[in-house]
Amino acid sequence: MKLSDIVKELSLEIKTYKDGLQNNVTGAYVSDLLSDVMANSKEGNIWITLQTHMNIVAVASLKGIKGIVIVSNRQIPEETLKKAEDEKITITTTSMPAFEIAGKIYLLLK
């Protein structure tokens, strides 16, 4: 499924790198622990987290993550947004908590 379809279906707000919306998403990973994401996420995943610091961009880039969903209306620092744009990582936001958005993404990808 294309990232653009997930964004549209779940009314996610796009914060960075709109060109990445054409990426194919093959699964999702939910974690707020960067080392866990580095060890266990898969290339092609969309990552659901409440973390907003710059290191999320580095982890996403390293692992081939196709998009990051920041949950619970967290505010994203400007330096994180700039880094994501530079690294071509799509960041989206939602007011939903991680549990809810994960369930909805699961149903879409099922």
PDB file of N, CA and C in Angstrom:
ATOM      1  N   MET A   1       0.843  -1.171   0.000  1.00  0.00           N
ATOM      2  CA  MET A   1       0.000   0.000   0.000  1.00  0.00           C
ATOM      3  C   MET A   1       0.892   1.239   0.000  1.00  0.00           C
ATOM      4  N   LYS A   2       0.518   2.225  -0.742  1.00  0.00           N
ATOM      5  CA  LYS A   2       1.285   3.473  -0.794  1.00  0.00           C
ATOM      6  C   LYS A   2       1.070   4.282   0.486  1.00  0.00           C
ATOM      7  N   LEU A   3       2.127   4.977   0.893  1.00  0.00           N
ATOM      8  CA  LEU A   3       2.036   5.839   2.066  1.00  0.00           C
ATOM      9  C   LEU A   3       0.933   6.872   1.882  1.00  0.00           C
ATOM     10  N   SER A   4       0.749   7.360   0.670  1.00  0.00           N
ATOM     11  CA  SER A   4      -0.300   8.350   0.399  1.00  0.00           C
ATOM     12  C   SER A   4      -1.687   7.805   0.735  1.00  0.00           C
ATOM     13  N   ASP A   5      -1.913   6.515   0.502  1.00  0.00           N
ATOM     14  CA  ASP A   5      -3.210   5.912   0.825  1.00  0.00           C
ATOM     15  C   ASP A   5      -3.443   5.876   2.336  1.00  0.00           C
ATOM     16  N   ILE A   6      -2.403   5.560   3.079  1.00  0.00           N
ATOM     17  CA  ILE A   6      -2.508   5.536   4.542  1.00  0.00           C
ATOM     18  C   ILE A   6      -2.781   6.938   5.059  1.00  0.00           C
ATOM     19  N   VAL A   7      -2.043   7.914   4.541  1.00  0.00           N
ATOM     20  CA  VAL A   7      -2.218   9.309   4.962  1.00  0.00           C
ATOM     21  C   VAL A   7      -3.647   9.761   4.701  1.00  0.00           C
ATOM     22  N   LYS A   8      -4.155   9.439   3.526  1.00  0.00           N
ATOM     23  CA  LYS A   8      -5.517   9.851   3.164  1.00  0.00           C
ATOM     24  C   LYS A   8      -6.564   9.152   4.029  1.00  0.00           C
ATOM     25  N   GLU A   9      -6.451   7.832   4.151  1.00  0.00           N
ATOM     26  CA  GLU A   9      -7.441   7.049   4.909  1.00  0.00           C
ATOM     27  C   GLU A   9      -7.518   7.453   6.376  1.00  0.00           C
ATOM     28  N   LEU A  10      -6.367   7.832   6.948  1.00  0.00           N
ATOM     29  CA  LEU A  10      -6.314   8.122   8.382  1.00  0.00           C
ATOM     30  C   LEU A  10      -6.230   9.616   8.686  1.00  0.00           C
ATOM     31  N   SER A  11      -6.348  10.442   7.658  1.00  0.00           N
ATOM     32  CA  SER A  11      -6.307  11.902   7.820  1.00  0.00           C
ATOM     33  C   SER A  11      -5.069  12.366   8.582  1.00  0.00           C
ATOM     34  N   LEU A  12      -3.921  11.812   8.202  1.00  0.00           N
ATOM     35  CA  LEU A  12      -2.669  12.219   8.825  1.00  0.00           C
ATOM     36  C   LEU A  12      -2.240  13.561   8.249  1.00  0.00           C
ATOM     37  N   GLU A  13      -1.570  14.359   9.065  1.00  0.00           N
ATOM     38  CA  GLU A  13      -1.061  15.648   8.609  1.00  0.00           C
ATOM     39  C   GLU A  13       0.384  15.478   8.164  1.00  0.00           C
ATOM     40  N   ILE A  14       0.676  15.851   6.951  1.00  0.00           N
ATOM     41  CA  ILE A  14       2.015  15.708   6.383  1.00  0.00           C
ATOM     42  C   ILE A  14       2.871  16.880   6.842  1.00  0.00           C
ATOM     43  N   LYS A  15       4.020  16.577   7.430  1.00  0.00           N
ATOM     44  CA  LYS A  15       4.925  17.607   7.930  1.00  0.00           C
ATOM     45  C   LYS A  15       6.173  17.763   7.072  1.00  0.00           C
ATOM     46  N   THR A  16       6.643  16.672   6.472  1.00  0.00           N
ATOM     47  CA  THR A  16       7.873  16.732   5.680  1.00  0.00           C
ATOM     48  C   THR A  16       7.797  15.797   4.480  1.00  0.00           C
ATOM     49  N   TYR A  17       8.612  16.061   3.504  1.00  0.00           N
ATOM     50  CA  TYR A  17       8.918  15.261   2.331  1.00  0.00           C
ATOM     51  C   TYR A  17       7.695  14.606   1.677  1.00  0.00           C
ATOM     52  N   LYS A  18       6.881  15.442   1.052  1.00  0.00           N
ATOM     53  CA  LYS A  18       5.676  14.960   0.382  1.00  0.00           C
ATOM     54  C   LYS A  18       5.978  13.995  -0.761  1.00  0.00           C
ATOM     55  N   ASP A  19       7.163  14.087  -1.362  1.00  0.00           N
ATOM     56  CA  ASP A  19       7.512  13.149  -2.441  1.00  0.00           C
ATOM     57  C   ASP A  19       7.558  11.707  -1.942  1.00  0.00           C
ATOM     58  N   GLY A  20       7.769  11.522  -0.650  1.00  0.00           N
ATOM     59  CA  GLY A  20       7.822  10.181  -0.077  1.00  0.00           C
ATOM     60  C   GLY A  20       6.475   9.492   0.006  1.00  0.00           C
ATOM     61  N   LEU A  21       5.413  10.220  -0.273  1.00  0.00           N
ATOM     62  CA  LEU A  21       4.078   9.627  -0.196  1.00  0.00           C
ATOM     63  C   LEU A  21       3.874   8.533  -1.235  1.00  0.00           C
ATOM     64  N   GLN A  22       4.711   8.488  -2.242  1.00  0.00           N
ATOM     65  CA  GLN A  22       4.602   7.450  -3.270  1.00  0.00           C
ATOM     66  C   GLN A  22       5.304   6.153  -2.868  1.00  0.00           C
ATOM     67  N   ASN A  23       5.975   6.162  -1.727  1.00  0.00           N
ATOM     68  CA  ASN A  23       6.653   4.954  -1.244  1.00  0.00           C
ATOM     69  C   ASN A  23       5.646   3.875  -0.868  1.00  0.00           C
ATOM     70  N   ASN A  24       6.021   2.631  -1.100  1.00  0.00           N
ATOM     71  CA  ASN A  24       5.201   1.498  -0.677  1.00  0.00           C
ATOM     72  C   ASN A  24       5.520   1.144   0.770  1.00  0.00           C
ATOM     73  N   VAL A  25       4.482   0.963   1.560  1.00  0.00           N
ATOM     74  CA  VAL A  25       4.611   0.562   2.965  1.00  0.00           C
ATOM     75  C   VAL A  25       4.277  -0.916   3.051  1.00  0.00           C
ATOM     76  N   THR A  26       5.175  -1.688   3.658  1.00  0.00           N
ATOM     77  CA  THR A  26       4.992  -3.138   3.741  1.00  0.00           C
ATOM     78  C   THR A  26       4.590  -3.618   5.130  1.00  0.00           C
ATOM     79  N   GLY A  27       4.631  -2.723   6.111  1.00  0.00           N
ATOM     80  CA  GLY A  27       4.285  -3.090   7.469  1.00  0.00           C
ATOM     81  C   GLY A  27       4.434  -1.886   8.366  1.00  0.00           C
ATOM     82  N   ALA A  28       4.259  -2.099   9.650  1.00  0.00           N
ATOM     83  CA  ALA A  28       4.381  -1.007  10.615  1.00  0.00           C
ATOM     84  C   ALA A  28       5.143  -1.497  11.833  1.00  0.00           C
ATOM     85  N   TYR A  29       5.764  -0.555  12.520  1.00  0.00           N
ATOM     86  CA  TYR A  29       6.465  -0.869  13.766  1.00  0.00           C
ATOM     87  C   TYR A  29       6.147   0.226  14.768  1.00  0.00           C
ATOM     88  N   VAL A  30       5.822  -0.169  15.983  1.00  0.00           N
ATOM     89  CA  VAL A  30       5.471   0.777  17.037  1.00  0.00           C
ATOM     90  C   VAL A  30       6.482   0.663  18.157  1.00  0.00           C
ATOM     91  N   SER A  31       7.199   1.747  18.411  1.00  0.00           N
ATOM     92  CA  SER A  31       8.140   1.769  19.520  1.00  0.00           C
ATOM     93  C   SER A  31       8.625   3.189  19.738  1.00  0.00           C
ATOM     94  N   ASP A  32       8.945   3.495  20.976  1.00  0.00           N
ATOM     95  CA  ASP A  32       9.530   4.785  21.318  1.00  0.00           C
ATOM     96  C   ASP A  32      10.995   4.647  21.699  1.00  0.00           C
ATOM     97  N   LEU A  33      11.506   3.449  21.641  1.00  0.00           N
ATOM     98  CA  LEU A  33      12.889   3.173  21.999  1.00  0.00           C
ATOM     99  C   LEU A  33      13.709   3.007  20.719  1.00  0.00           C
ATOM    100  N   LEU A  34      14.617   3.939  20.466  1.00  0.00           N
ATOM    101  CA  LEU A  34      15.361   3.942  19.208  1.00  0.00           C
ATOM    102  C   LEU A  34      16.133   2.652  18.982  1.00  0.00           C
ATOM    103  N   SER A  35      16.754   2.126  20.023  1.00  0.00           N
ATOM    104  CA  SER A  35      17.523   0.889  19.862  1.00  0.00           C
ATOM    105  C   SER A  35      16.614  -0.282  19.487  1.00  0.00           C
ATOM    106  N   ASP A  36      15.385  -0.290  19.975  1.00  0.00           N
ATOM    107  CA  ASP A  36      14.425  -1.329  19.616  1.00  0.00           C
ATOM    108  C   ASP A  36      14.056  -1.222  18.141  1.00  0.00           C
ATOM    109  N   VAL A  37      13.827  -0.007  17.661  1.00  0.00           N
ATOM    110  CA  VAL A  37      13.497   0.201  16.251  1.00  0.00           C
ATOM    111  C   VAL A  37      14.667  -0.224  15.372  1.00  0.00           C
ATOM    112  N   MET A  38      15.872   0.132  15.777  1.00  0.00           N
ATOM    113  CA  MET A  38      17.053  -0.252  15.000  1.00  0.00           C
ATOM    114  C   MET A  38      17.205  -1.776  14.939  1.00  0.00           C
ATOM    115  N   ALA A  39      16.879  -2.453  16.019  1.00  0.00           N
ATOM    116  CA  ALA A  39      17.064  -3.903  16.075  1.00  0.00           C
ATOM    117  C   ALA A  39      15.927  -4.685  15.415  1.00  0.00           C
ATOM    118  N   ASN A  40      14.709  -4.148  15.418  1.00  0.00           N
ATOM    119  CA  ASN A  40      13.565  -4.978  15.062  1.00  0.00           C
ATOM    120  C   ASN A  40      12.669  -4.485  13.927  1.00  0.00           C
ATOM    121  N   SER A  41      12.761  -3.228  13.545  1.00  0.00           N
ATOM    122  CA  SER A  41      11.915  -2.762  12.438  1.00  0.00           C
ATOM    123  C   SER A  41      12.458  -3.324  11.126  1.00  0.00           C
ATOM    124  N   LYS A  42      11.619  -3.291  10.126  1.00  0.00           N
ATOM    125  CA  LYS A  42      11.991  -3.822   8.817  1.00  0.00           C
ATOM    126  C   LYS A  42      11.976  -2.705   7.775  1.00  0.00           C
ATOM    127  N   GLU A  43      12.805  -2.836   6.770  1.00  0.00           N
ATOM    128  CA  GLU A  43      12.776  -1.902   5.654  1.00  0.00           C
ATOM    129  C   GLU A  43      11.375  -1.920   5.052  1.00  0.00           C
ATOM    130  N   GLY A  44      10.852  -0.744   4.759  1.00  0.00           N
ATOM    131  CA  GLY A  44       9.508  -0.630   4.198  1.00  0.00           C
ATOM    132  C   GLY A  44       8.437  -0.371   5.236  1.00  0.00           C
ATOM    133  N   ASN A  45       8.802  -0.440   6.527  1.00  0.00           N
ATOM    134  CA  ASN A  45       7.835  -0.163   7.591  1.00  0.00           C
ATOM    135  C   ASN A  45       7.489   1.311   7.664  1.00  0.00           C
ATOM    136  N   ILE A  46       6.346   1.578   8.265  1.00  0.00           N
ATOM    137  CA  ILE A  46       6.018   2.901   8.753  1.00  0.00           C
ATOM    138  C   ILE A  46       6.208   2.807  10.270  1.00  0.00           C
ATOM    139  N   TRP A  47       6.820   3.828  10.853  1.00  0.00           N
ATOM    140  CA  TRP A  47       7.173   3.810  12.278  1.00  0.00           C
ATOM    141  C   TRP A  47       6.229   4.729  13.036  1.00  0.00           C
ATOM    142  N   ILE A  48       5.609   4.185  14.074  1.00  0.00           N
ATOM    143  CA  ILE A  48       4.683   4.928  14.929  1.00  0.00           C
ATOM    144  C   ILE A  48       5.392   5.203  16.244  1.00  0.00           C
ATOM    145  N   THR A  49       5.468   6.495  16.630  1.00  0.00           N
ATOM    146  CA  THR A  49       6.209   6.871  17.837  1.00  0.00           C
ATOM    147  C   THR A  49       5.700   8.198  18.389  1.00  0.00           C
ATOM    148  N   LEU A  50       6.054   8.463  19.644  1.00  0.00           N
ATOM    149  CA  LEU A  50       5.807   9.788  20.215  1.00  0.00           C
ATOM    150  C   LEU A  50       7.094  10.603  20.288  1.00  0.00           C
ATOM    151  N   GLN A  51       8.214   9.989  19.902  1.00  0.00           N
ATOM    152  CA  GLN A  51       9.499  10.695  19.900  1.00  0.00           C
ATOM    153  C   GLN A  51       9.518  11.755  18.798  1.00  0.00           C
ATOM    154  N   THR A  52      10.148  12.879  19.072  1.00  0.00           N
ATOM    155  CA  THR A  52      10.186  13.958  18.084  1.00  0.00           C
ATOM    156  C   THR A  52      11.593  14.524  17.874  1.00  0.00           C
ATOM    157  N   HIS A  53      12.584  14.002  18.549  1.00  0.00           N
ATOM    158  CA  HIS A  53      13.931  14.563  18.426  1.00  0.00           C
ATOM    159  C   HIS A  53      14.591  14.114  17.125  1.00  0.00           C
ATOM    160  N   MET A  54      15.684  14.756  16.762  1.00  0.00           N
ATOM    161  CA  MET A  54      16.346  14.527  15.476  1.00  0.00           C
ATOM    162  C   MET A  54      16.796  13.086  15.248  1.00  0.00           C
ATOM    163  N   ASN A  55      17.071  12.358  16.296  1.00  0.00           N
ATOM    164  CA  ASN A  55      17.582  10.996  16.122  1.00  0.00           C
ATOM    165  C   ASN A  55      16.583  10.061  15.452  1.00  0.00           C
ATOM    166  N   ILE A  56      15.284  10.392  15.489  1.00  0.00           N
ATOM    167  CA  ILE A  56      14.308   9.534  14.803  1.00  0.00           C
ATOM    168  C   ILE A  56      14.561   9.521  13.300  1.00  0.00           C
ATOM    169  N   VAL A  57      15.033  10.643  12.781  1.00  0.00           N
ATOM    170  CA  VAL A  57      15.310  10.736  11.345  1.00  0.00           C
ATOM    171  C   VAL A  57      16.490   9.835  10.984  1.00  0.00           C
ATOM    172  N   ALA A  58      17.520   9.862  11.797  1.00  0.00           N
ATOM    173  CA  ALA A  58      18.691   9.024  11.542  1.00  0.00           C
ATOM    174  C   ALA A  58      18.325   7.544  11.563  1.00  0.00           C
ATOM    175  N   VAL A  59      17.520   7.135  12.531  1.00  0.00           N
ATOM    176  CA  VAL A  59      17.113   5.733  12.635  1.00  0.00           C
ATOM    177  C   VAL A  59      16.252   5.344  11.433  1.00  0.00           C
ATOM    178  N   ALA A  60      15.320   6.195  11.068  1.00  0.00           N
ATOM    179  CA  ALA A  60      14.450   5.906   9.921  1.00  0.00           C
ATOM    180  C   ALA A  60      15.271   5.759   8.641  1.00  0.00           C
ATOM    181  N   SER A  61      16.222   6.635   8.462  1.00  0.00           N
ATOM    182  CA  SER A  61      17.077   6.591   7.278  1.00  0.00           C
ATOM    183  C   SER A  61      17.926   5.318   7.264  1.00  0.00           C
ATOM    184  N   LEU A  62      18.505   4.986   8.399  1.00  0.00           N
ATOM    185  CA  LEU A  62      19.340   3.798   8.527  1.00  0.00           C
ATOM    186  C   LEU A  62      18.571   2.514   8.217  1.00  0.00           C
ATOM    187  N   LYS A  63      17.331   2.438   8.658  1.00  0.00           N
ATOM    188  CA  LYS A  63      16.537   1.217   8.533  1.00  0.00           C
ATOM    189  C   LYS A  63      15.671   1.156   7.271  1.00  0.00           C
ATOM    190  N   GLY A  64      15.635   2.203   6.466  1.00  0.00           N
ATOM    191  CA  GLY A  64      14.796   2.200   5.270  1.00  0.00           C
ATOM    192  C   GLY A  64      13.326   2.314   5.582  1.00  0.00           C
ATOM    193  N   ILE A  65      13.015   3.007   6.662  1.00  0.00           N
ATOM    194  CA  ILE A  65      11.625   3.229   7.065  1.00  0.00           C
ATOM    195  C   ILE A  65      11.002   4.239   6.106  1.00  0.00           C
ATOM    196  N   LYS A  66       9.784   3.958   5.656  1.00  0.00           N
ATOM    197  CA  LYS A  66       9.144   4.759   4.616  1.00  0.00           C
ATOM    198  C   LYS A  66       8.364   5.952   5.135  1.00  0.00           C
ATOM    199  N   GLY A  67       8.160   6.031   6.431  1.00  0.00           N
ATOM    200  CA  GLY A  67       7.464   7.175   7.004  1.00  0.00           C
ATOM    201  C   GLY A  67       7.403   7.045   8.507  1.00  0.00           C
ATOM    202  N   ILE A  68       7.286   8.188   9.160  1.00  0.00           N
ATOM    203  CA  ILE A  68       7.153   8.228  10.621  1.00  0.00           C
ATOM    204  C   ILE A  68       5.818   8.882  10.945  1.00  0.00           C
ATOM    205  N   VAL A  69       5.067   8.275  11.841  1.00  0.00           N
ATOM    206  CA  VAL A  69       3.828   8.863  12.341  1.00  0.00           C
ATOM    207  C   VAL A  69       4.068   9.270  13.789  1.00  0.00           C
ATOM    208  N   ILE A  70       3.997  10.565  14.037  1.00  0.00           N
ATOM    209  CA  ILE A  70       4.120  11.098  15.398  1.00  0.00           C
ATOM    210  C   ILE A  70       2.715  11.187  15.984  1.00  0.00           C
ATOM    211  N   VAL A  71       2.518  10.576  17.133  1.00  0.00           N
ATOM    212  CA  VAL A  71       1.180  10.448  17.728  1.00  0.00           C
ATOM    213  C   VAL A  71       0.892  11.517  18.781  1.00  0.00           C
ATOM    214  N   SER A  72      -0.358  11.570  19.182  1.00  0.00           N
ATOM    215  CA  SER A  72      -0.836  12.360  20.326  1.00  0.00           C
ATOM    216  C   SER A  72      -0.545  13.857  20.209  1.00  0.00           C
ATOM    217  N   ASN A  73      -0.628  14.378  18.982  1.00  0.00           N
ATOM    218  CA  ASN A  73      -0.432  15.823  18.754  1.00  0.00           C
ATOM    219  C   ASN A  73       0.884  16.366  19.285  1.00  0.00           C
ATOM    220  N   ARG A  74       1.918  15.546  19.287  1.00  0.00           N
ATOM    221  CA  ARG A  74       3.232  16.014  19.738  1.00  0.00           C
ATOM    222  C   ARG A  74       3.754  17.084  18.783  1.00  0.00           C
ATOM    223  N   GLN A  75       4.375  18.091  19.338  1.00  0.00           N
ATOM    224  CA  GLN A  75       4.997  19.138  18.531  1.00  0.00           C
ATOM    225  C   GLN A  75       6.394  18.690  18.123  1.00  0.00           C
ATOM    226  N   ILE A  76       6.723  18.905  16.873  1.00  0.00           N
ATOM    227  CA  ILE A  76       8.000  18.455  16.334  1.00  0.00           C
ATOM    228  C   ILE A  76       8.938  19.652  16.218  1.00  0.00           C
ATOM    229  N   PRO A  77      10.121  19.561  16.804  1.00  0.00           N
ATOM    230  CA  PRO A  77      11.081  20.659  16.698  1.00  0.00           C
ATOM    231  C   PRO A  77      11.441  20.952  15.236  1.00  0.00           C
ATOM    232  N   GLU A  78      11.674  22.210  14.956  1.00  0.00           N
ATOM    233  CA  GLU A  78      12.002  22.643  13.595  1.00  0.00           C
ATOM    234  C   GLU A  78      13.248  21.935  13.054  1.00  0.00           C
ATOM    235  N   GLU A  79      14.248  21.698  13.906  1.00  0.00           N
ATOM    236  CA  GLU A  79      15.466  21.034  13.430  1.00  0.00           C
ATOM    237  C   GLU A  79      15.193  19.587  13.015  1.00  0.00           C
ATOM    238  N   THR A  80      14.222  18.939  13.658  1.00  0.00           N
ATOM    239  CA  THR A  80      13.840  17.583  13.259  1.00  0.00           C
ATOM    240  C   THR A  80      13.171  17.607  11.893  1.00  0.00           C
ATOM    241  N   LEU A  81      12.296  18.566  11.684  1.00  0.00           N
ATOM    242  CA  LEU A  81      11.605  18.683  10.400  1.00  0.00           C
ATOM    243  C   LEU A  81      12.593  18.966   9.265  1.00  0.00           C
ATOM    244  N   LYS A  82      13.542  19.842   9.525  1.00  0.00           N
ATOM    245  CA  LYS A  82      14.538  20.172   8.512  1.00  0.00           C
ATOM    246  C   LYS A  82      15.392  18.949   8.182  1.00  0.00           C
ATOM    247  N   LYS A  83      15.818  18.231   9.211  1.00  0.00           N
ATOM    248  CA  LYS A  83      16.635  17.031   9.007  1.00  0.00           C
ATOM    249  C   LYS A  83      15.853  15.983   8.206  1.00  0.00           C
ATOM    250  N   ALA A  84      14.579  15.814   8.514  1.00  0.00           N
ATOM    251  CA  ALA A  84      13.750  14.844   7.793  1.00  0.00           C
ATOM    252  C   ALA A  84      13.619  15.228   6.320  1.00  0.00           C
ATOM    253  N   GLU A  85      13.436  16.494   6.055  1.00  0.00           N
ATOM    254  CA  GLU A  85      13.345  16.953   4.670  1.00  0.00           C
ATOM    255  C   GLU A  85      14.663  16.687   3.945  1.00  0.00           C
ATOM    256  N   ASP A  86      15.772  17.009   4.600  1.00  0.00           N
ATOM    257  CA  ASP A  86      17.098  16.779   4.006  1.00  0.00           C
ATOM    258  C   ASP A  86      17.357  15.294   3.731  1.00  0.00           C
ATOM    259  N   GLU A  87      16.890  14.440   4.629  1.00  0.00           N
ATOM    260  CA  GLU A  87      17.124  12.987   4.508  1.00  0.00           C
ATOM    261  C   GLU A  87      16.028  12.276   3.718  1.00  0.00           C
ATOM    262  N   LYS A  88      15.035  13.039   3.268  1.00  0.00           N
ATOM    263  CA  LYS A  88      13.926  12.492   2.472  1.00  0.00           C
ATOM    264  C   LYS A  88      13.117  11.457   3.248  1.00  0.00           C
ATOM    265  N   ILE A  89      12.776  11.835   4.478  1.00  0.00           N
ATOM    266  CA  ILE A  89      11.935  11.011   5.343  1.00  0.00           C
ATOM    267  C   ILE A  89      10.603  11.738   5.537  1.00  0.00           C
ATOM    268  N   THR A  90       9.516  11.054   5.229  1.00  0.00           N
ATOM    269  CA  THR A  90       8.189  11.644   5.406  1.00  0.00           C
ATOM    270  C   THR A  90       7.769  11.512   6.861  1.00  0.00           C
ATOM    271  N   ILE A  91       7.451  12.641   7.477  1.00  0.00           N
ATOM    272  CA  ILE A  91       6.905  12.649   8.838  1.00  0.00           C
ATOM    273  C   ILE A  91       5.465  13.134   8.759  1.00  0.00           C
ATOM    274  N   THR A  92       4.581  12.404   9.421  1.00  0.00           N
ATOM    275  CA  THR A  92       3.180  12.790   9.537  1.00  0.00           C
ATOM    276  C   THR A  92       2.810  12.839  11.018  1.00  0.00           C
ATOM    277  N   THR A  93       1.700  13.499  11.307  1.00  0.00           N
ATOM    278  CA  THR A  93       1.233  13.583  12.692  1.00  0.00           C
ATOM    279  C   THR A  93      -0.239  13.212  12.774  1.00  0.00           C
ATOM    280  N   THR A  94      -0.642  12.848  13.981  1.00  0.00           N
ATOM    281  CA  THR A  94      -2.031  12.525  14.270  1.00  0.00           C
ATOM    282  C   THR A  94      -2.328  12.871  15.725  1.00  0.00           C
ATOM    283  N   SER A  95      -3.585  13.099  16.006  1.00  0.00           N
ATOM    284  CA  SER A  95      -4.002  13.315  17.393  1.00  0.00           C
ATOM    285  C   SER A  95      -4.235  11.979  18.106  1.00  0.00           C
ATOM    286  N   MET A  96      -4.335  10.898  17.343  1.00  0.00           N
ATOM    287  CA  MET A  96      -4.596   9.582  17.930  1.00  0.00           C
ATOM    288  C   MET A  96      -3.406   9.088  18.753  1.00  0.00           C
ATOM    289  N   PRO A  97      -3.667   8.293  19.788  1.00  0.00           N
ATOM    290  CA  PRO A  97      -2.564   7.648  20.509  1.00  0.00           C
ATOM    291  C   PRO A  97      -2.004   6.505  19.670  1.00  0.00           C
ATOM    292  N   ALA A  98      -0.831   6.025  20.030  1.00  0.00           N
ATOM    293  CA  ALA A  98      -0.138   4.974  19.271  1.00  0.00           C
ATOM    294  C   ALA A  98      -0.996   3.717  19.118  1.00  0.00           C
ATOM    295  N   PHE A  99      -1.655   3.303  20.160  1.00  0.00           N
ATOM    296  CA  PHE A  99      -2.472   2.086  20.112  1.00  0.00           C
ATOM    297  C   PHE A  99      -3.542   2.184  19.035  1.00  0.00           C
ATOM    298  N   GLU A 100      -4.227   3.308  18.987  1.00  0.00           N
ATOM    299  CA  GLU A 100      -5.317   3.487  18.032  1.00  0.00           C
ATOM    300  C   GLU A 100      -4.817   3.544  16.590  1.00  0.00           C
ATOM    301  N   ILE A 101      -3.791   4.331  16.348  1.00  0.00           N
ATOM    302  CA  ILE A 101      -3.285   4.455  14.974  1.00  0.00           C
ATOM    303  C   ILE A 101      -2.665   3.138  14.507  1.00  0.00           C
ATOM    304  N   ALA A 102      -2.028   2.416  15.404  1.00  0.00           N
ATOM    305  CA  ALA A 102      -1.450   1.116  15.039  1.00  0.00           C
ATOM    306  C   ALA A 102      -2.543   0.148  14.596  1.00  0.00           C
ATOM    307  N   GLY A 103      -3.638   0.137  15.320  1.00  0.00           N
ATOM    308  CA  GLY A 103      -4.757  -0.743  14.950  1.00  0.00           C
ATOM    309  C   GLY A 103      -5.331  -0.393  13.592  1.00  0.00           C
ATOM    310  N   LYS A 104      -5.463   0.887  13.334  1.00  0.00           N
ATOM    311  CA  LYS A 104      -6.013   1.332  12.047  1.00  0.00           C
ATOM    312  C   LYS A 104      -5.064   1.011  10.896  1.00  0.00           C
ATOM    313  N   ILE A 105      -3.777   1.208  11.118  1.00  0.00           N
ATOM    314  CA  ILE A 105      -2.802   0.866  10.069  1.00  0.00           C
ATOM    315  C   ILE A 105      -2.782  -0.641   9.845  1.00  0.00           C
ATOM    316  N   TYR A 106      -2.870  -1.403  10.906  1.00  0.00           N
ATOM    317  CA  TYR A 106      -2.925  -2.864  10.783  1.00  0.00           C
ATOM    318  C   TYR A 106      -4.076  -3.286   9.877  1.00  0.00           C
ATOM    319  N   LEU A 107      -5.244  -2.723  10.117  1.00  0.00           N
ATOM    320  CA  LEU A 107      -6.418  -3.076   9.306  1.00  0.00           C
ATOM    321  C   LEU A 107      -6.242  -2.674   7.841  1.00  0.00           C
ATOM    322  N   LEU A 108      -5.590  -1.546   7.598  1.00  0.00           N
ATOM    323  CA  LEU A 108      -5.364  -1.111   6.222  1.00  0.00           C
ATOM    324  C   LEU A 108      -4.386  -2.032   5.488  1.00  0.00           C
ATOM    325  N   LEU A 109      -3.377  -2.502   6.192  1.00  0.00           N
ATOM    326  CA  LEU A 109      -2.339  -3.318   5.562  1.00  0.00           C
ATOM    327  C   LEU A 109      -2.690  -4.808   5.505  1.00  0.00           C
ATOM    328  N   LYS A 110      -3.715  -5.192   6.235  1.00  0.00           N
ATOM    329  CA  LYS A 110      -4.104  -6.595   6.355  1.00  0.00           C
ATOM    330  C   LYS A 110      -4.560  -7.167   5.034  1.00  0.00           C
TER     331      LYS A 110
END
